Amino acid sequence: MQLLQSGDLSQIPKPENLQECSVFGAFSLDAIRYLLQAGKVYRLSRNDLLFECGERGDSFFVVLDGSVDYFAWHFGDYSYTRTAGFGDEIGYVAMIALQDRAGKAVAREDSLVLEISANLFGELHDRYPFDFGLIVLNLARNMARLIRALSQSLASCRLGR
C-alpha cells in the first residue's frame, strides 16, 4: 500500500467523475476537491491489506478505482461478505459505531482508495454542511442496501438455498 503525494493526485479520477459514484452522489465539486486534498489517497496492489481486524476504526475509505474485498472475522475465521467497487465505501460502520474493525479489507485488484478520517469527516461538516448532509444520506442508503443484501444471504443460508 502506497500513500500518494499531492503531486501524484493527477492519477485519480476527476472530481466530475466522482460525482457519479454512490458516496459522492449530488456532491459539489468543491467538497470533493476538498476531500481529495485533505484526505489520504492510497494506491493498492492486488492482495494488499487495506486494514485488519482489531485496528481502530477511526476512518473509512472510498474506492476511487478498482475494488476491495471485505472479510468479516467470525468464530476464529474470515468469511467473505462483499466487494466494494468504484464509489463504494469500506470501513464506515466501524467509524460511525466507534468500534475497532471487525474484519479485514484486501485489494481485489490494483486500486486507489481515499481515506476519510473521523476528523476530516467532522471538518466536512463545518466547511460544507450541505454536502455533509448528502454524504450521511448516501452512506446510510448504502448501509441499508448492504444490510438488506446480507439479510437475504443469511435467510438463504438458514433455508438451505
Protein backbone atom coordinates (compact mmCIF):
# COMPACT_ATOMS: atom_id res chain seq x y z
CA MET A 1 0.00 0.00 0.00
CA GLN A 2 1.46 3.33 -1.05
CA LEU A 3 0.37 6.80 0.07
CA LEU A 4 0.23 9.10 -2.94
CA GLN A 5 1.76 12.53 -2.53
CA SER A 6 -0.21 15.60 -3.60
CA GLY A 7 1.78 15.72 -6.86
CA ASP A 8 0.63 12.18 -7.70
CA LEU A 9 -3.07 13.03 -7.46
CA SER A 10 -3.29 13.52 -11.22
CA GLN A 11 -3.74 9.73 -11.37
CA ILE A 12 -7.11 9.76 -9.60
CA PRO A 13 -10.49 10.19 -11.30
CA LYS A 14 -11.63 13.76 -11.91
CA PRO A 15 -14.00 15.23 -9.33
CA GLU A 16 -16.68 15.44 -12.05
CA ASN A 17 -16.49 11.65 -12.46
CA LEU A 18 -16.63 11.11 -8.69
CA GLN A 19 -19.98 12.91 -8.56
CA GLU A 20 -21.37 9.81 -10.29
CA CYS A 21 -20.38 7.41 -7.51
CA SER A 22 -22.74 6.40 -4.72
CA VAL A 23 -20.86 8.03 -1.82
CA PHE A 24 -20.40 11.39 -3.57
CA GLY A 25 -23.69 11.48 -5.47
CA ALA A 26 -25.00 15.07 -5.80
CA PHE A 27 -21.87 16.43 -4.06
CA SER A 28 -20.43 19.80 -5.01
CA LEU A 29 -17.14 19.76 -6.89
CA ASP A 30 -15.63 21.99 -4.19
CA ALA A 31 -16.42 19.44 -1.46
CA ILE A 32 -14.99 16.57 -3.50
CA ARG A 33 -11.81 18.54 -4.20
CA TYR A 34 -11.54 19.37 -0.50
CA LEU A 35 -11.77 15.68 0.49
CA LEU A 36 -9.22 14.68 -2.13
CA GLN A 37 -6.78 17.33 -0.92
CA ALA A 38 -7.34 16.93 2.82
CA GLY A 39 -7.76 13.13 2.82
CA LYS A 40 -5.18 10.48 2.05
CA VAL A 41 -5.15 8.65 -1.29
CA TYR A 42 -3.54 5.21 -1.35
CA ARG A 43 -2.52 3.01 -4.25
CA LEU A 44 -3.08 -0.66 -3.53
CA SER A 45 -1.69 -3.59 -5.47
CA ARG A 46 -3.72 -6.75 -5.84
CA ASN A 47 -3.91 -8.60 -2.47
CA ASP A 48 -2.63 -5.61 -0.45
CA LEU A 49 -4.18 -5.38 3.00
CA LEU A 50 -6.08 -2.11 3.48
CA PHE A 51 -6.96 -2.74 7.12
CA GLU A 52 -7.06 -5.65 9.53
CA CYS A 53 -9.45 -6.93 12.16
CA GLY A 54 -8.92 -5.23 15.53
CA GLU A 55 -7.45 -1.98 14.16
CA ARG A 56 -9.01 1.28 15.29
CA GLY A 57 -12.00 2.17 13.14
CA ASP A 58 -11.28 5.89 13.09
CA SER A 59 -11.64 6.34 9.33
CA PHE A 60 -13.33 4.91 6.27
CA PHE A 61 -12.31 4.52 2.65
CA VAL A 62 -13.93 5.34 -0.68
CA VAL A 63 -12.84 3.23 -3.65
CA LEU A 64 -11.76 5.63 -6.40
CA ASP A 65 -10.63 2.91 -8.81
CA GLY A 66 -10.51 -0.87 -8.69
CA SER A 67 -12.17 -2.94 -5.97
CA VAL A 68 -11.62 -4.12 -2.40
CA ASP A 69 -12.96 -7.32 -0.80
CA TYR A 70 -14.20 -7.35 2.79
CA PHE A 71 -13.86 -10.42 5.02
CA ALA A 72 -15.68 -10.48 8.37
CA TRP A 73 -13.98 -12.16 11.34
CA HIS A 74 -16.30 -14.64 12.99
CA PHE A 75 -15.61 -17.62 15.25
CA GLY A 76 -11.88 -17.64 14.54
CA ASP A 77 -12.01 -17.38 10.76
CA TYR A 78 -12.59 -14.87 8.00
CA SER A 79 -15.64 -15.02 5.75
CA TYR A 80 -16.01 -13.03 2.53
CA THR A 81 -19.04 -10.75 2.72
CA ARG A 82 -18.77 -8.22 -0.10
CA THR A 83 -16.75 -6.36 -2.69
CA ALA A 84 -16.55 -2.56 -2.67
CA GLY A 85 -16.12 -1.15 -6.18
CA PHE A 86 -15.88 2.33 -7.69
CA GLY A 87 -17.51 4.87 -5.40
CA ASP A 88 -18.34 2.42 -2.62
CA GLU A 89 -17.17 2.83 0.95
CA ILE A 90 -15.48 0.35 3.18
CA GLY A 91 -14.91 0.79 6.92
CA TYR A 92 -17.66 3.34 7.61
CA VAL A 93 -19.58 1.11 10.01
CA ALA A 94 -16.64 0.76 12.42
CA MET A 95 -16.01 4.51 12.35
CA ILE A 96 -19.60 5.55 12.96
CA ALA A 97 -20.04 2.84 15.63
CA LEU A 98 -16.83 3.97 17.41
CA GLN A 99 -15.56 0.39 17.30
CA ASP A 100 -12.47 -1.43 16.14
CA ARG A 101 -12.53 -3.08 12.73
CA ALA A 102 -14.48 -6.35 12.72
CA GLY A 103 -12.79 -7.77 9.64
CA LYS A 104 -10.15 -7.16 7.03
CA ALA A 105 -10.18 -5.42 3.66
CA VAL A 106 -7.98 -6.71 0.82
CA ALA A 107 -7.49 -5.24 -2.65
CA ARG A 108 -9.15 -7.50 -5.21
CA GLU A 109 -7.12 -5.78 -7.95
CA ASP A 110 -4.84 -2.76 -8.31
CA SER A 111 -6.90 0.02 -6.75
CA LEU A 112 -6.99 3.60 -5.48
CA VAL A 113 -8.78 4.49 -2.26
CA LEU A 114 -9.43 7.75 -0.43
CA GLU A 115 -9.18 7.61 3.35
CA ILE A 116 -11.57 9.94 5.18
CA SER A 117 -10.67 10.14 8.87
CA ALA A 118 -13.20 10.89 11.58
CA ASN A 119 -11.57 14.32 11.97
CA LEU A 120 -11.87 15.06 8.24
CA PHE A 121 -15.49 13.88 8.34
CA GLY A 122 -16.11 16.44 11.10
CA GLU A 123 -14.30 19.16 9.15
CA LEU A 124 -16.50 18.39 6.14
CA HIS A 125 -19.50 19.12 8.38
CA ASP A 126 -18.06 22.51 9.34
CA ARG A 127 -16.89 23.60 5.86
CA TYR A 128 -19.57 22.05 3.62
CA PRO A 129 -22.69 21.39 5.73
CA PHE A 130 -24.96 20.71 2.73
CA ASP A 131 -22.52 18.19 1.28
CA PHE A 132 -22.09 16.64 4.73
CA GLY A 133 -25.83 16.03 4.83
CA LEU A 134 -25.60 14.39 1.41
CA ILE A 135 -22.73 12.10 2.37
CA VAL A 136 -24.53 10.98 5.53
CA LEU A 137 -27.64 10.23 3.46
CA ASN A 138 -25.61 8.42 0.78
CA LEU A 139 -23.68 6.38 3.36
CA ALA A 140 -26.90 5.48 5.22
CA ARG A 141 -28.54 4.41 1.94
CA ASN A 142 -25.57 2.23 1.05
CA MET A 143 -25.54 0.74 4.54
CA ALA A 144 -29.26 -0.05 4.30
CA ARG A 145 -28.74 -1.78 0.94
CA LEU A 146 -25.88 -3.81 2.39
CA ILE A 147 -27.96 -4.82 5.43
CA ARG A 148 -30.74 -5.95 3.13
CA ALA A 149 -28.35 -7.99 0.94
CA LEU A 150 -26.68 -9.61 3.95
CA SER A 151 -30.08 -10.33 5.50
CA GLN A 152 -31.21 -12.06 2.30
CA SER A 153 -27.98 -14.06 2.22
CA LEU A 154 -28.40 -15.11 5.83
CA ALA A 155 -32.04 -16.11 5.23
CA SER A 156 -30.99 -18.16 2.19
CA CYS A 157 -28.34 -19.98 4.24
CA ARG A 158 -30.80 -20.75 7.02
CA LEU A 159 -33.26 -22.15 4.48
CA GLY A 160 -30.53 -24.17 2.78
CA ARG A 161 -30.91 -22.43 -0.57
